[in-house]
């Protein structure tokens, strides 16, 4: 029996790559949208909330999706099958065999995982295990804190375009290093 088009797409790296690049471009646009333009559009739409919060959340959601999909493109080539159905970019990074990151970048992967599982869509985790897992992972990568006057100071880990792009470029470079155009590496 011949595989359906959907079965072939589930394990085709270039389908994941195309969706990843679209999400990456969306993230770029959102990170560069001028506040006056965004405020004008919000007024036209009748939006009464904070437009900067909207742009930040939308950017992080698209960036997280982009990274998830490029990792799945890599896994398609390496496993010659459909990738694990997971939004856990922290785990997908490891499964893809990508280089070790800084603790700050691992914390960014953990944040992206939270965004994909719940923070990008819901007011609270859909399952307590998602939050517990993220807390344990964060603790494992927590930077050593400076103590001043008995207060532990934890540095803020930023997730903006530059931080995302640096992580994405590692994954993208790795994808192309796998020679996805080589017929021996392409899944049909």
C-alpha atoms as a PDB file:
ATOM      1  CA  UNK A   1       0.000   0.000   0.000  1.00  0.00           C
ATOM      2  CA  UNK A   2       1.355   3.395  -1.009  1.00  0.00           C
ATOM      3  CA  UNK A   3       1.812   5.987   1.726  1.00  0.00           C
ATOM      4  CA  UNK A   4      -0.576   8.921   1.621  1.00  0.00           C
ATOM      5  CA  UNK A   5       0.649  12.420   0.846  1.00  0.00           C
ATOM      6  CA  UNK A   6       0.172  13.209   4.540  1.00  0.00           C
ATOM      7  CA  UNK A   7       2.341  10.278   5.615  1.00  0.00           C
ATOM      8  CA  UNK A   8       5.074  11.461   3.241  1.00  0.00           C
ATOM      9  CA  UNK A   9       4.826  15.055   4.482  1.00  0.00           C
ATOM     10  CA  UNK A  10       5.082  13.948   8.124  1.00  0.00           C
ATOM     11  CA  UNK A  11       8.633  12.778   7.437  1.00  0.00           C
ATOM     12  CA  UNK A  12       9.729  15.217   4.707  1.00  0.00           C
ATOM     13  CA  UNK A  13      12.401  17.604   6.001  1.00  0.00           C
ATOM     14  CA  UNK A  14      11.702  20.326   3.455  1.00  0.00           C
ATOM     15  CA  UNK A  15       8.071  20.611   4.530  1.00  0.00           C
ATOM     16  CA  UNK A  16       9.240  21.219   8.094  1.00  0.00           C
ATOM     17  CA  UNK A  17      11.922  23.609   6.824  1.00  0.00           C
ATOM     18  CA  UNK A  18       9.432  25.684   4.796  1.00  0.00           C
ATOM     19  CA  UNK A  19       7.061  26.015   7.765  1.00  0.00           C
ATOM     20  CA  UNK A  20      10.027  26.848  10.000  1.00  0.00           C
ATOM     21  CA  UNK A  21      11.229  29.605   7.690  1.00  0.00           C
ATOM     22  CA  UNK A  22       7.705  31.060   7.504  1.00  0.00           C
ATOM     23  CA  UNK A  23       7.461  31.176  11.302  1.00  0.00           C
ATOM     24  CA  UNK A  24      10.974  32.651  11.506  1.00  0.00           C
ATOM     25  CA  UNK A  25       9.978  35.423   9.093  1.00  0.00           C
ATOM     26  CA  UNK A  26       6.813  36.089  11.087  1.00  0.00           C
ATOM     27  CA  UNK A  27       8.923  36.386  14.242  1.00  0.00           C
ATOM     28  CA  UNK A  28      11.245  38.818  12.471  1.00  0.00           C
ATOM     29  CA  UNK A  29       8.347  40.985  11.305  1.00  0.00           C
ATOM     30  CA  UNK A  30       6.823  41.017  14.773  1.00  0.00           C
ATOM     31  CA  UNK A  31      10.139  41.939  16.385  1.00  0.00           C
ATOM     32  CA  UNK A  32      10.594  44.849  13.980  1.00  0.00           C
ATOM     33  CA  UNK A  33       7.065  46.241  13.772  1.00  0.00           C
ATOM     34  CA  UNK A  34       7.199  49.897  14.749  1.00  0.00           C
ATOM     35  CA  UNK A  35       5.118  50.727  17.831  1.00  0.00           C
ATOM     36  CA  UNK A  36       3.237  53.629  16.156  1.00  0.00           C
ATOM     37  CA  UNK A  37       2.181  51.337  13.302  1.00  0.00           C
ATOM     38  CA  UNK A  38       1.170  48.605  15.732  1.00  0.00           C
ATOM     39  CA  UNK A  39      -0.782  51.114  17.853  1.00  0.00           C
ATOM     40  CA  UNK A  40      -2.614  52.385  14.750  1.00  0.00           C
ATOM     41  CA  UNK A  41      -3.518  48.824  13.764  1.00  0.00           C
ATOM     42  CA  UNK A  42      -4.668  48.114  17.324  1.00  0.00           C
ATOM     43  CA  UNK A  43      -6.922  51.160  17.229  1.00  0.00           C
ATOM     44  CA  UNK A  44      -8.382  50.086  13.883  1.00  0.00           C
ATOM     45  CA  UNK A  45      -9.077  46.631  15.337  1.00  0.00           C
ATOM     46  CA  UNK A  46     -10.619  48.061  18.499  1.00  0.00           C
ATOM     47  CA  UNK A  47      -7.948  46.485  20.712  1.00  0.00           C
ATOM     48  CA  UNK A  48      -7.709  48.054  24.174  1.00  0.00           C
ATOM     49  CA  UNK A  49      -4.778  46.114  25.662  1.00  0.00           C
ATOM     50  CA  UNK A  50      -1.034  46.739  25.665  1.00  0.00           C
ATOM     51  CA  UNK A  51       0.269  46.419  22.109  1.00  0.00           C
ATOM     52  CA  UNK A  52       3.844  45.797  23.298  1.00  0.00           C
ATOM     53  CA  UNK A  53       2.672  42.744  25.246  1.00  0.00           C
ATOM     54  CA  UNK A  54       0.861  41.508  22.131  1.00  0.00           C
ATOM     55  CA  UNK A  55       3.943  41.920  19.948  1.00  0.00           C
ATOM     56  CA  UNK A  56       6.206  40.254  22.515  1.00  0.00           C
ATOM     57  CA  UNK A  57       3.922  37.259  22.968  1.00  0.00           C
ATOM     58  CA  UNK A  58       3.386  36.849  19.228  1.00  0.00           C
ATOM     59  CA  UNK A  59       7.121  37.103  18.516  1.00  0.00           C
ATOM     60  CA  UNK A  60       7.979  34.475  21.127  1.00  0.00           C
ATOM     61  CA  UNK A  61       5.246  32.136  19.863  1.00  0.00           C
ATOM     62  CA  UNK A  62       6.438  32.350  16.244  1.00  0.00           C
ATOM     63  CA  UNK A  63      10.108  32.068  17.233  1.00  0.00           C
ATOM     64  CA  UNK A  64       9.332  28.983  19.314  1.00  0.00           C
ATOM     65  CA  UNK A  65       7.409  27.372  16.464  1.00  0.00           C
ATOM     66  CA  UNK A  66      10.245  28.152  14.036  1.00  0.00           C
ATOM     67  CA  UNK A  67      12.801  26.465  16.269  1.00  0.00           C
ATOM     68  CA  UNK A  68      10.571  23.445  16.886  1.00  0.00           C
ATOM     69  CA  UNK A  69      10.106  22.944  13.151  1.00  0.00           C
ATOM     70  CA  UNK A  70      13.768  23.295  12.145  1.00  0.00           C
ATOM     71  CA  UNK A  71      14.624  20.722  14.813  1.00  0.00           C
ATOM     72  CA  UNK A  72      11.982  18.382  13.399  1.00  0.00           C
ATOM     73  CA  UNK A  73      13.438  18.885   9.911  1.00  0.00           C
ATOM     74  CA  UNK A  74      16.800  17.722  11.259  1.00  0.00           C
ATOM     75  CA  UNK A  75      15.192  14.735  12.958  1.00  0.00           C
ATOM     76  CA  UNK A  76      13.459  13.748   9.696  1.00  0.00           C
ATOM     77  CA  UNK A  77      16.823  13.428   7.990  1.00  0.00           C
ATOM     78  CA  UNK A  78      18.593  11.713  10.863  1.00  0.00           C
ATOM     79  CA  UNK A  79      15.840   9.199  11.673  1.00  0.00           C
ATOM     80  CA  UNK A  80      14.477   8.833   8.128  1.00  0.00           C
ATOM     81  CA  UNK A  81      11.022   8.931   9.674  1.00  0.00           C
ATOM     82  CA  UNK A  82       8.505  11.322  11.155  1.00  0.00           C
ATOM     83  CA  UNK A  83       9.859  13.145  14.209  1.00  0.00           C
ATOM     84  CA  UNK A  84       8.561  12.618  17.703  1.00  0.00           C
ATOM     85  CA  UNK A  85       5.250  14.460  18.138  1.00  0.00           C
ATOM     86  CA  UNK A  86       6.499  16.885  20.773  1.00  0.00           C
ATOM     87  CA  UNK A  87       6.701  20.622  21.385  1.00  0.00           C
ATOM     88  CA  UNK A  88       9.623  20.167  23.797  1.00  0.00           C
ATOM     89  CA  UNK A  89      12.351  22.102  21.972  1.00  0.00           C
ATOM     90  CA  UNK A  90      14.730  21.458  24.862  1.00  0.00           C
ATOM     91  CA  UNK A  91      14.352  17.692  24.303  1.00  0.00           C
ATOM     92  CA  UNK A  92      14.235  18.000  20.488  1.00  0.00           C
ATOM     93  CA  UNK A  93      17.559  19.890  20.573  1.00  0.00           C
ATOM     94  CA  UNK A  94      19.134  16.971  22.404  1.00  0.00           C
ATOM     95  CA  UNK A  95      17.490  14.343  20.164  1.00  0.00           C
ATOM     96  CA  UNK A  96      18.828  16.171  17.104  1.00  0.00           C
ATOM     97  CA  UNK A  97      22.354  15.871  18.511  1.00  0.00           C
ATOM     98  CA  UNK A  98      23.055  19.580  18.237  1.00  0.00           C
ATOM     99  CA  UNK A  99      26.005  21.225  19.976  1.00  0.00           C
ATOM    100  CA  UNK A 100      25.907  22.043  23.648  1.00  0.00           C
ATOM    101  CA  UNK A 101      24.569  25.514  24.430  1.00  0.00           C
ATOM    102  CA  UNK A 102      25.211  27.986  27.207  1.00  0.00           C
ATOM    103  CA  UNK A 103      23.030  27.709  30.290  1.00  0.00           C
ATOM    104  CA  UNK A 104      21.303  30.926  29.221  1.00  0.00           C
ATOM    105  CA  UNK A 105      20.413  29.418  25.839  1.00  0.00           C
ATOM    106  CA  UNK A 106      19.126  26.245  27.495  1.00  0.00           C
ATOM    107  CA  UNK A 107      16.893  28.440  29.642  1.00  0.00           C
ATOM    108  CA  UNK A 108      15.644  30.045  26.411  1.00  0.00           C
ATOM    109  CA  UNK A 109      14.819  26.565  25.042  1.00  0.00           C
ATOM    110  CA  UNK A 110      12.929  25.824  28.251  1.00  0.00           C
ATOM    111  CA  UNK A 111      10.976  29.083  27.878  1.00  0.00           C
ATOM    112  CA  UNK A 112      10.158  28.227  24.259  1.00  0.00           C
ATOM    113  CA  UNK A 113       8.934  24.817  25.354  1.00  0.00           C
ATOM    114  CA  UNK A 114       6.663  26.464  27.936  1.00  0.00           C
ATOM    115  CA  UNK A 115       5.356  28.820  25.254  1.00  0.00           C
ATOM    116  CA  UNK A 116       4.531  25.952  22.917  1.00  0.00           C
ATOM    117  CA  UNK A 117       2.931  23.760  25.573  1.00  0.00           C
ATOM    118  CA  UNK A 118       0.920  26.384  27.392  1.00  0.00           C
ATOM    119  CA  UNK A 119       2.231  29.919  27.971  1.00  0.00           C
ATOM    120  CA  UNK A 120       1.609  30.962  24.366  1.00  0.00           C
ATOM    121  CA  UNK A 121      -2.026  29.863  24.527  1.00  0.00           C
ATOM    122  CA  UNK A 122      -3.309  29.426  28.070  1.00  0.00           C
ATOM    123  CA  UNK A 123      -3.359  31.360  31.333  1.00  0.00           C
ATOM    124  CA  UNK A 124      -1.859  28.424  33.241  1.00  0.00           C
ATOM    125  CA  UNK A 125      -0.107  25.155  32.432  1.00  0.00           C
ATOM    126  CA  UNK A 126      -2.486  22.580  30.999  1.00  0.00           C
ATOM    127  CA  UNK A 127      -0.751  19.971  33.142  1.00  0.00           C
ATOM    128  CA  UNK A 128       1.220  20.512  36.336  1.00  0.00           C
ATOM    129  CA  UNK A 129       3.911  18.162  35.022  1.00  0.00           C
ATOM    130  CA  UNK A 130       4.833  20.722  32.323  1.00  0.00           C
ATOM    131  CA  UNK A 131       5.550  23.383  34.925  1.00  0.00           C
ATOM    132  CA  UNK A 132       7.352  20.975  37.268  1.00  0.00           C
ATOM    133  CA  UNK A 133       9.558  19.736  34.431  1.00  0.00           C
ATOM    134  CA  UNK A 134      10.418  23.296  33.362  1.00  0.00           C
ATOM    135  CA  UNK A 135      11.298  24.272  36.934  1.00  0.00           C
ATOM    136  CA  UNK A 136      13.618  21.274  37.286  1.00  0.00           C
ATOM    137  CA  UNK A 137      15.286  22.049  33.949  1.00  0.00           C
ATOM    138  CA  UNK A 138      15.709  25.720  34.865  1.00  0.00           C
ATOM    139  CA  UNK A 139      17.288  24.735  38.167  1.00  0.00           C
ATOM    140  CA  UNK A 140      19.785  22.515  36.337  1.00  0.00           C
ATOM    141  CA  UNK A 141      20.818  25.471  34.154  1.00  0.00           C
ATOM    142  CA  UNK A 142      20.456  28.239  36.725  1.00  0.00           C
ATOM    143  CA  UNK A 143      23.358  30.626  36.582  1.00  0.00           C
ATOM    144  CA  UNK A 144      25.274  31.046  39.768  1.00  0.00           C
ATOM    145  CA  UNK A 145      23.816  34.016  41.570  1.00  0.00           C
ATOM    146  CA  UNK A 146      25.647  36.902  43.149  1.00  0.00           C
ATOM    147  CA  UNK A 147      24.595  37.635  46.673  1.00  0.00           C
ATOM    148  CA  UNK A 148      24.435  41.205  47.862  1.00  0.00           C
ATOM    149  CA  UNK A 149      23.156  42.101  51.280  1.00  0.00           C
ATOM    150  CA  UNK A 150      21.716  38.594  51.714  1.00  0.00           C
ATOM    151  CA  UNK A 151      19.576  38.855  48.568  1.00  0.00           C
ATOM    152  CA  UNK A 152      20.006  36.411  45.707  1.00  0.00           C
ATOM    153  CA  UNK A 153      20.042  38.257  42.402  1.00  0.00           C
ATOM    154  CA  UNK A 154      19.022  36.195  39.387  1.00  0.00           C
ATOM    155  CA  UNK A 155      19.960  37.648  36.020  1.00  0.00           C
ATOM    156  CA  UNK A 156      17.189  38.188  33.506  1.00  0.00           C
ATOM    157  CA  UNK A 157      17.495  35.895  30.502  1.00  0.00           C
ATOM    158  CA  UNK A 158      16.260  37.839  27.483  1.00  0.00           C
ATOM    159  CA  UNK A 159      14.542  36.160  24.530  1.00  0.00           C
ATOM    160  CA  UNK A 160      14.526  38.669  21.711  1.00  0.00           C
ATOM    161  CA  UNK A 161      15.316  38.454  18.014  1.00  0.00           C
ATOM    162  CA  UNK A 162      19.111  38.371  18.432  1.00  0.00           C
ATOM    163  CA  UNK A 163      19.022  35.586  21.017  1.00  0.00           C
ATOM    164  CA  UNK A 164      16.538  33.546  19.002  1.00  0.00           C
ATOM    165  CA  UNK A 165      18.400  34.100  15.709  1.00  0.00           C
ATOM    166  CA  UNK A 166      21.680  32.891  17.211  1.00  0.00           C
ATOM    167  CA  UNK A 167      20.090  29.628  18.385  1.00  0.00           C
ATOM    168  CA  UNK A 168      18.153  29.199  15.131  1.00  0.00           C
ATOM    169  CA  UNK A 169      21.290  29.680  13.040  1.00  0.00           C
ATOM    170  CA  UNK A 170      23.021  26.833  14.883  1.00  0.00           C
ATOM    171  CA  UNK A 171      20.128  24.509  14.045  1.00  0.00           C
ATOM    172  CA  UNK A 172      19.792  25.788  10.475  1.00  0.00           C
ATOM    173  CA  UNK A 173      23.496  25.371   9.804  1.00  0.00           C
ATOM    174  CA  UNK A 174      23.350  21.853  11.176  1.00  0.00           C
ATOM    175  CA  UNK A 175      20.357  21.087   8.928  1.00  0.00           C
ATOM    176  CA  UNK A 176      22.296  22.131   5.814  1.00  0.00           C
ATOM    177  CA  UNK A 177      25.423  20.289   6.996  1.00  0.00           C
ATOM    178  CA  UNK A 178      23.359  17.087   6.844  1.00  0.00           C
ATOM    179  CA  UNK A 179      23.170  17.580   3.063  1.00  0.00           C
ATOM    180  CA  UNK A 180      19.383  17.311   2.804  1.00  0.00           C
ATOM    181  CA  UNK A 181      19.566  17.515  -1.013  1.00  0.00           C
ATOM    182  CA  UNK A 182      21.603  14.310  -1.181  1.00  0.00           C
ATOM    183  CA  UNK A 183      19.230  11.583  -2.437  1.00  0.00           C
ATOM    184  CA  UNK A 184      20.627   9.211   0.189  1.00  0.00           C
ATOM    185  CA  UNK A 185      19.512  11.600   2.925  1.00  0.00           C
ATOM    186  CA  UNK A 186      16.086  12.482   1.560  1.00  0.00           C
ATOM    187  CA  UNK A 187      13.068  10.666   2.936  1.00  0.00           C
ATOM    188  CA  UNK A 188      10.417   9.783   0.367  1.00  0.00           C
END
